[in-house]
């Protein structure tokens, strides 16, 4: 027997209540702090504001190492 629309909607609402809040907030920026890098070209969001300096340092190290790949000339 085919389910009616009302029964189907009630079933979806019941299932939504079982989903953890963390999964429902996927993509949400609530509770995150923005870090603006590269003069506003890059924005990172972190949950712990005390790790801002560490995050900036890691980003700079990755950026420098990535740029060095393109700057180096092959040995002839």
N, C-alpha and C. Protein backbone atom coordinates (compact mmCIF):
# COMPACT_ATOMS: atom_id res chain seq x y z
N UNK A 1 0.84 -1.17 0.00
CA UNK A 1 0.00 0.00 0.00
C UNK A 1 0.89 1.25 0.00
N UNK A 2 0.50 2.22 -0.79
CA UNK A 2 1.29 3.43 -0.91
C UNK A 2 1.03 4.34 0.28
N UNK A 3 2.11 4.99 0.77
CA UNK A 3 1.96 5.88 1.91
C UNK A 3 1.38 7.21 1.47
N UNK A 4 0.56 7.76 2.31
CA UNK A 4 0.03 9.08 2.01
C UNK A 4 1.07 10.13 2.34
N UNK A 5 0.89 11.32 1.84
CA UNK A 5 1.87 12.38 2.05
C UNK A 5 2.00 12.73 3.52
N UNK A 6 0.91 12.77 4.25
CA UNK A 6 0.95 13.12 5.66
C UNK A 6 1.74 12.08 6.46
N UNK A 7 1.51 10.82 6.18
CA UNK A 7 2.26 9.76 6.88
C UNK A 7 3.75 9.86 6.56
N UNK A 8 4.08 10.15 5.33
CA UNK A 8 5.48 10.25 4.92
C UNK A 8 6.16 11.43 5.62
N UNK A 9 5.46 12.56 5.68
CA UNK A 9 6.01 13.73 6.37
C UNK A 9 6.24 13.45 7.85
N UNK A 10 5.32 12.78 8.47
CA UNK A 10 5.46 12.46 9.88
C UNK A 10 6.65 11.52 10.10
N UNK A 11 6.85 10.61 9.19
CA UNK A 11 7.96 9.69 9.30
C UNK A 11 9.29 10.45 9.19
N UNK A 12 9.40 11.41 8.27
CA UNK A 12 10.62 12.19 8.12
C UNK A 12 10.89 13.03 9.36
N UNK A 13 9.86 13.62 9.93
CA UNK A 13 10.02 14.42 11.14
C UNK A 13 10.51 13.55 12.29
N UNK A 14 10.00 12.35 12.39
CA UNK A 14 10.42 11.44 13.44
C UNK A 14 11.90 11.08 13.27
N UNK A 15 12.34 10.86 12.05
CA UNK A 15 13.74 10.52 11.80
C UNK A 15 14.66 11.70 12.08
N UNK A 16 14.20 12.91 11.81
CA UNK A 16 15.02 14.09 12.04
C UNK A 16 15.36 14.25 13.51
N UNK A 17 14.46 13.85 14.38
CA UNK A 17 14.70 13.97 15.81
C UNK A 17 15.81 13.04 16.29
N UNK A 18 16.08 11.98 15.55
CA UNK A 18 17.13 11.04 15.92
C UNK A 18 18.51 11.47 15.44
N UNK A 19 18.58 12.45 14.53
CA UNK A 19 19.86 12.89 13.98
C UNK A 19 20.54 13.80 15.00
N UNK A 20 21.82 13.58 15.30
CA UNK A 20 22.53 14.43 16.26
C UNK A 20 22.61 15.88 15.76
N UNK A 21 22.65 16.82 16.68
CA UNK A 21 22.69 18.23 16.33
C UNK A 21 23.94 18.59 15.54
N UNK A 22 25.04 17.92 15.78
CA UNK A 22 26.27 18.21 15.05
C UNK A 22 26.10 17.98 13.55
N UNK A 23 25.36 16.95 13.18
CA UNK A 23 25.14 16.68 11.76
C UNK A 23 24.14 17.66 11.17
N UNK A 24 23.21 18.14 11.95
CA UNK A 24 22.24 19.10 11.44
C UNK A 24 22.87 20.47 11.21
N UNK A 25 23.96 20.77 11.91
CA UNK A 25 24.62 22.06 11.79
C UNK A 25 25.78 22.05 10.80
N UNK A 26 25.89 21.02 9.97
CA UNK A 26 26.97 20.95 9.01
C UNK A 26 26.93 22.15 8.09
N UNK A 27 28.05 22.84 7.98
CA UNK A 27 28.12 24.02 7.14
C UNK A 27 27.75 25.29 7.89
N UNK A 28 27.34 25.18 9.12
CA UNK A 28 26.97 26.35 9.90
C UNK A 28 28.22 26.98 10.49
N UNK A 29 28.22 28.29 10.57
CA UNK A 29 29.36 29.02 11.12
C UNK A 29 29.12 29.49 12.54
N UNK A 30 28.05 29.03 13.16
CA UNK A 30 27.79 29.43 14.53
C UNK A 30 28.84 28.84 15.45
N UNK A 31 29.38 29.64 16.31
CA UNK A 31 30.38 29.19 17.26
C UNK A 31 31.79 29.15 16.70
N UNK A 32 32.00 29.61 15.47
CA UNK A 32 33.33 29.63 14.87
C UNK A 32 33.82 31.07 14.74
N UNK A 33 35.13 31.22 14.79
CA UNK A 33 35.74 32.54 14.71
C UNK A 33 36.50 32.69 13.40
N UNK A 34 36.32 33.80 12.67
CA UNK A 34 37.02 33.97 11.40
C UNK A 34 38.45 34.46 11.59
N UNK A 35 39.33 33.96 10.76
CA UNK A 35 40.71 34.44 10.69
C UNK A 35 40.93 34.87 9.25
N UNK A 36 41.28 36.12 9.05
CA UNK A 36 41.47 36.66 7.71
C UNK A 36 42.96 36.67 7.40
N UNK A 37 43.31 36.02 6.29
CA UNK A 37 44.70 35.87 5.87
C UNK A 37 44.89 36.45 4.47
N UNK A 38 46.14 36.66 4.08
CA UNK A 38 46.50 37.15 2.75
C UNK A 38 45.81 38.45 2.40
N UNK A 39 45.71 39.35 3.34
CA UNK A 39 45.10 40.65 3.07
C UNK A 39 43.63 40.56 2.69
N UNK A 40 42.93 39.58 3.21
CA UNK A 40 41.50 39.45 2.96
C UNK A 40 41.14 38.47 1.85
N UNK A 41 42.12 37.86 1.21
CA UNK A 41 41.82 36.90 0.14
C UNK A 41 41.43 35.54 0.68
N UNK A 42 41.86 35.20 1.88
CA UNK A 42 41.58 33.89 2.46
C UNK A 42 40.97 34.07 3.85
N UNK A 43 39.90 33.34 4.10
CA UNK A 43 39.27 33.37 5.42
C UNK A 43 39.15 31.95 5.93
N UNK A 44 39.66 31.72 7.13
CA UNK A 44 39.54 30.43 7.79
C UNK A 44 38.65 30.60 9.01
N UNK A 45 37.90 29.57 9.34
CA UNK A 45 37.06 29.59 10.53
C UNK A 45 37.55 28.51 11.48
N UNK A 46 37.82 28.92 12.73
CA UNK A 46 38.29 27.96 13.74
C UNK A 46 37.36 28.01 14.94
N UNK A 47 37.33 26.93 15.69
CA UNK A 47 36.45 26.85 16.85
C UNK A 47 37.12 27.39 18.10
N UNK A 48 38.44 27.32 18.17
CA UNK A 48 39.16 27.73 19.36
C UNK A 48 39.99 28.97 19.05
N UNK A 49 39.61 30.10 19.59
CA UNK A 49 40.26 31.37 19.29
C UNK A 49 41.68 31.43 19.85
N UNK A 50 42.00 30.60 20.84
CA UNK A 50 43.34 30.62 21.41
C UNK A 50 44.38 30.05 20.45
N UNK A 51 43.94 29.34 19.41
CA UNK A 51 44.87 28.75 18.44
C UNK A 51 45.03 29.61 17.19
N UNK A 52 44.67 30.88 17.29
CA UNK A 52 44.76 31.76 16.12
C UNK A 52 46.19 31.92 15.64
N UNK A 53 47.13 32.17 16.55
CA UNK A 53 48.53 32.36 16.16
C UNK A 53 49.10 31.10 15.52
N UNK A 54 48.77 29.95 16.09
CA UNK A 54 49.24 28.68 15.54
C UNK A 54 48.69 28.46 14.13
N UNK A 55 47.43 28.79 13.93
CA UNK A 55 46.80 28.62 12.63
C UNK A 55 47.44 29.54 11.59
N UNK A 56 47.69 30.78 11.97
CA UNK A 56 48.36 31.71 11.05
C UNK A 56 49.75 31.21 10.67
N UNK A 57 50.50 30.71 11.65
CA UNK A 57 51.85 30.22 11.39
C UNK A 57 51.84 29.01 10.46
N UNK A 58 50.94 28.06 10.70
CA UNK A 58 50.82 26.88 9.85
C UNK A 58 50.47 27.26 8.41
N UNK A 59 49.53 28.19 8.28
CA UNK A 59 49.12 28.64 6.95
C UNK A 59 50.29 29.26 6.22
N UNK A 60 51.07 30.09 6.91
CA UNK A 60 52.21 30.75 6.28
C UNK A 60 53.27 29.74 5.87
N UNK A 61 53.53 28.73 6.71
CA UNK A 61 54.51 27.70 6.37
C UNK A 61 54.06 26.89 5.15
N UNK A 62 52.79 26.52 5.10
CA UNK A 62 52.28 25.77 3.94
C UNK A 62 52.35 26.61 2.68
N UNK A 63 52.00 27.87 2.81
CA UNK A 63 52.01 28.77 1.66
C UNK A 63 53.43 28.94 1.13
N UNK A 64 54.39 29.13 2.02
CA UNK A 64 55.78 29.29 1.61
C UNK A 64 56.32 28.03 0.96
N UNK A 65 56.02 26.87 1.52
CA UNK A 65 56.54 25.62 0.95
C UNK A 65 55.89 25.33 -0.40
N UNK A 66 54.63 25.71 -0.58
CA UNK A 66 53.96 25.50 -1.85
C UNK A 66 54.53 26.43 -2.91
N UNK A 67 54.85 27.66 -2.55
CA UNK A 67 55.40 28.61 -3.50
C UNK A 67 56.83 28.25 -3.89
N UNK A 68 57.58 27.65 -2.99
CA UNK A 68 58.95 27.25 -3.29
C UNK A 68 59.02 26.20 -4.39
N UNK A 69 58.01 25.40 -4.52
CA UNK A 69 57.98 24.37 -5.57
C UNK A 69 57.99 25.04 -6.94
N UNK A 70 57.23 26.11 -7.07
CA UNK A 70 57.12 26.77 -8.36
C UNK A 70 58.28 27.73 -8.63
N UNK A 71 58.95 28.19 -7.60
CA UNK A 71 60.03 29.16 -7.77
C UNK A 71 61.34 28.45 -8.16
N UNK A 72 61.58 27.27 -7.64
CA UNK A 72 62.83 26.56 -7.90
C UNK A 72 62.95 26.22 -9.38
N UNK A 73 64.15 26.43 -9.90
CA UNK A 73 64.42 26.08 -11.28
C UNK A 73 65.11 24.72 -11.31
N UNK A 74 64.79 23.92 -12.29
CA UNK A 74 65.45 22.60 -12.37
C UNK A 74 66.92 22.74 -12.69
N UNK A 75 67.72 21.84 -12.12
CA UNK A 75 69.17 21.87 -12.38
C UNK A 75 69.45 21.30 -13.76
N UNK A 76 70.34 21.97 -14.44
CA UNK A 76 70.66 21.54 -15.81
C UNK A 76 71.98 20.85 -15.85
